[in-house]
Protein backbone atom coordinates (compact mmCIF):
# COMPACT_ATOMS: atom_id res chain seq x y z
CA MET A 1 22.76 13.60 -0.75
CA TYR A 2 20.03 15.53 -2.46
CA ASN A 3 20.30 17.27 -5.79
CA LYS A 4 18.12 19.94 -7.35
CA HIS A 5 15.90 17.30 -8.99
CA GLN A 6 14.94 15.63 -5.73
CA THR A 7 12.16 16.98 -3.59
CA SER A 8 11.86 16.45 0.12
CA ILE A 9 8.56 14.82 0.97
CA MET A 10 8.12 17.58 3.56
CA GLU A 11 8.13 20.04 0.66
CA LEU A 12 5.15 18.11 -0.71
CA LYS A 13 3.11 19.59 2.13
CA ILE A 14 2.08 16.27 3.63
CA SER A 15 2.04 17.68 7.12
CA HIS A 16 -0.85 15.53 8.33
CA PRO A 17 -0.44 12.10 6.71
CA PHE A 18 -3.36 10.51 8.60
CA TRP A 19 -5.71 10.27 5.61
CA GLN A 20 -2.96 9.17 3.24
CA VAL A 21 -2.08 6.33 5.62
CA ILE A 22 -5.74 5.36 5.99
CA GLY A 23 -5.92 5.13 2.20
CA LEU A 24 -2.71 3.13 1.97
CA GLY A 25 -3.93 0.76 4.67
CA ALA A 26 -7.22 0.33 2.83
CA LEU A 27 -5.34 -0.58 -0.33
CA ALA A 28 -3.14 -3.04 1.61
CA GLY A 29 -6.33 -4.78 2.72
CA MET A 30 -7.33 -5.22 -0.91
CA ARG A 31 -3.88 -6.10 -2.33
CA SER A 32 -1.20 -6.72 0.25
CA THR A 33 1.73 -5.42 -1.79
CA SER A 34 -0.02 -2.27 -2.99
CA ALA A 35 0.76 0.02 -0.05
CA PRO A 36 4.52 -0.64 0.06
CA VAL A 37 4.66 -0.32 -3.74
CA ILE A 38 3.01 3.08 -3.67
CA VAL A 39 5.10 4.38 -0.77
CA SER A 40 8.39 3.17 -2.25
CA HIS A 41 7.50 4.65 -5.63
CA ILE A 42 6.76 8.04 -4.07
CA LEU A 43 9.80 7.99 -1.77
CA SER A 44 12.14 6.88 -4.55
CA HIS A 45 11.14 10.02 -6.46
CA HIS A 46 10.78 12.36 -3.47
CA GLN A 47 13.55 11.65 -0.99
CA SER A 48 13.03 12.54 2.68
CA LYS A 49 15.89 13.60 4.92
CA ASN A 50 13.91 12.11 7.81
CA LEU A 51 14.67 8.64 6.45
CA ASP A 52 18.43 9.17 5.98
CA HIS A 53 19.48 7.42 9.19
CA SER A 54 16.40 5.26 9.60
CA PRO A 55 16.03 1.52 9.07
CA LEU A 56 13.28 2.54 6.62
CA ARG A 57 15.68 4.45 4.33
CA PHE A 58 15.71 1.56 1.83
CA MET A 59 12.16 2.58 0.87
CA GLN A 60 13.73 5.48 -1.06
CA SER A 61 15.68 3.12 -3.34
CA LYS A 62 14.61 2.92 -6.97
CA ASN A 63 15.70 -0.75 -6.96
CA VAL A 64 13.42 -1.52 -4.01
CA ALA A 65 10.58 0.31 -5.74
CA LEU A 66 11.11 -1.79 -8.86
CA ALA A 67 11.34 -5.07 -6.92
CA LEU A 68 8.11 -4.29 -5.09
CA LYS A 69 6.36 -3.53 -8.38
CA VAL A 70 7.40 -6.96 -9.71
CA LEU A 71 6.06 -8.61 -6.54
CA ALA A 72 2.79 -6.70 -6.95
CA ILE A 73 2.37 -8.05 -10.49
CA GLY A 74 2.89 -11.54 -9.10
CA GLU A 75 0.21 -10.92 -6.48
CA ILE A 76 -2.26 -9.72 -9.10
CA ILE A 77 -1.71 -12.89 -11.13
CA GLY A 78 -1.72 -15.18 -8.10
CA ASP A 79 -4.98 -13.73 -6.83
CA LYS A 80 -6.80 -15.12 -9.86
CA LEU A 81 -5.68 -18.71 -9.25
CA PRO A 82 -8.12 -21.11 -7.63
CA SER A 83 -5.46 -22.01 -5.08
CA ALA A 84 -5.22 -18.42 -3.78
CA PRO A 85 -6.04 -18.38 -0.07
CA ASN A 86 -8.87 -16.26 1.30
CA ARG A 87 -7.59 -12.91 2.48
CA ILE A 88 -9.24 -13.37 5.86
CA LYS A 89 -7.19 -16.44 6.75
CA PRO A 90 -5.04 -15.52 9.76
CA ALA A 91 -1.64 -15.63 8.02
CA VAL A 92 -2.87 -13.69 4.99
CA LEU A 93 -4.67 -11.16 7.18
CA ALA A 94 -1.53 -10.70 9.28
CA PHE A 95 0.55 -10.04 6.16
CA ARG A 96 -1.94 -7.44 4.93
CA MET A 97 -1.90 -5.73 8.31
CA LEU A 98 1.92 -5.75 8.35
CA SER A 99 1.92 -4.29 4.85
CA GLY A 100 -0.38 -1.45 5.90
CA ALA A 101 1.61 -0.92 9.09
CA PHE A 102 4.90 -0.84 7.19
CA ALA A 103 3.60 1.67 4.65
CA GLY A 104 2.10 3.82 7.39
CA ALA A 105 5.31 3.76 9.42
CA SER A 106 7.32 4.77 6.35
CA VAL A 107 5.05 7.70 5.55
CA TYR A 108 4.94 8.94 9.13
CA LYS A 109 8.74 8.69 9.46
CA ALA A 110 9.26 10.46 6.12
CA THR A 111 7.00 13.31 7.21
CA GLY A 112 8.57 13.66 10.65
CA GLY A 113 5.80 11.91 12.54
CA ARG A 114 5.81 9.04 14.99
CA VAL A 115 6.56 5.71 13.33
CA ALA A 116 4.40 3.76 15.80
CA MET A 117 1.39 5.95 15.07
CA GLY A 118 1.77 5.45 11.32
CA ALA A 119 2.11 1.70 11.80
CA LEU A 120 -0.96 1.53 14.02
CA ILE A 121 -3.13 3.53 11.64
CA GLY A 122 -1.95 1.68 8.52
CA GLY A 123 -2.35 -1.74 10.14
CA ALA A 124 -5.81 -0.96 11.50
CA ALA A 125 -6.99 0.36 8.15
CA ALA A 126 -5.65 -2.76 6.43
CA PHE A 127 -7.48 -4.97 8.94
CA ALA A 128 -10.80 -3.23 8.32
CA SER A 129 -10.31 -3.11 4.56
CA THR A 130 -9.38 -6.79 4.37
CA PHE A 131 -12.74 -7.83 5.78
CA GLY A 132 -14.69 -5.14 3.95
CA SER A 133 -13.20 -5.94 0.57
CA TYR A 134 -13.51 -9.70 1.15
CA PHE A 135 -17.23 -9.57 1.86
CA LEU A 136 -17.84 -6.95 -0.84
CA ARG A 137 -16.11 -9.13 -3.44
CA LYS A 138 -17.96 -12.28 -2.36
CA ASN A 139 -21.28 -10.43 -2.46
CA ALA A 140 -20.49 -8.89 -5.85
CA VAL A 141 -19.75 -12.33 -7.31
CA LYS A 142 -22.92 -13.81 -5.80
CA THR A 143 -25.32 -11.05 -6.82
CA SER A 144 -23.87 -10.15 -10.22
CA HIS A 145 -23.18 -13.71 -11.37
CA VAL A 146 -19.84 -12.47 -12.71
CA ILE A 147 -17.04 -14.96 -12.14
CA ASP A 148 -14.64 -14.20 -9.29
CA PRO A 149 -11.53 -13.56 -11.43
CA ILE A 150 -13.39 -10.80 -13.31
CA VAL A 151 -14.51 -9.18 -10.07
CA GLY A 152 -10.92 -9.54 -8.87
CA ALA A 153 -9.70 -7.77 -12.00
CA ILE A 154 -12.09 -4.92 -11.27
CA GLU A 155 -10.69 -4.79 -7.74
CA ASP A 156 -7.17 -4.71 -9.23
CA ALA A 157 -8.13 -1.78 -11.45
CA LEU A 158 -9.50 0.08 -8.43
CA VAL A 159 -6.31 -0.52 -6.43
CA ILE A 160 -4.02 0.40 -9.34
CA GLY A 161 -6.02 3.53 -10.16
CA SER A 162 -6.00 4.61 -6.53
CA GLY A 163 -2.28 3.94 -6.32
CA VAL A 164 -1.58 6.00 -9.42
CA GLU A 165 -3.67 8.83 -8.03
CA LEU A 166 -1.85 8.73 -4.68
CA SER A 167 1.49 8.72 -6.51
CA ASN A 168 0.49 11.64 -8.72
CA ALA A 169 -0.72 13.63 -5.73
CA ALA A 170 2.75 13.46 -4.18
């Protein structure tokens, strides 16, 4: 049930979530956990009645939002390790696409849209962003002569800043 302190996501005037899902998918391509973290954070603070009887309703849980934030911290740390796999490896790419698709589906469902459309847009944006951010990072390391973990930290700051901005906009 909703109380006076909860706001329906529909009241947030996200009537056309296309660009929000493109942005979330782009962030998923850079950091796979980022998109679900952002969406769960927003939905845990702004409940949507559209998710009440949906398999995606768990995205509105504050506990899920917290657990995803912990996983995201682990990803940020793990990305700096030499053993971290390239993001364009098939399994890693698939996970990033699923992350973008999941976030997109959640946003579209919460706003009364078609889940499949949100998933398609979020997954496609994650696919494109994965390759774009991979080659951008490799080129930045090569041309700037800055070590990869530092460039990765800059990428982290960009993802975190974008996530905070998306969360504040909601």
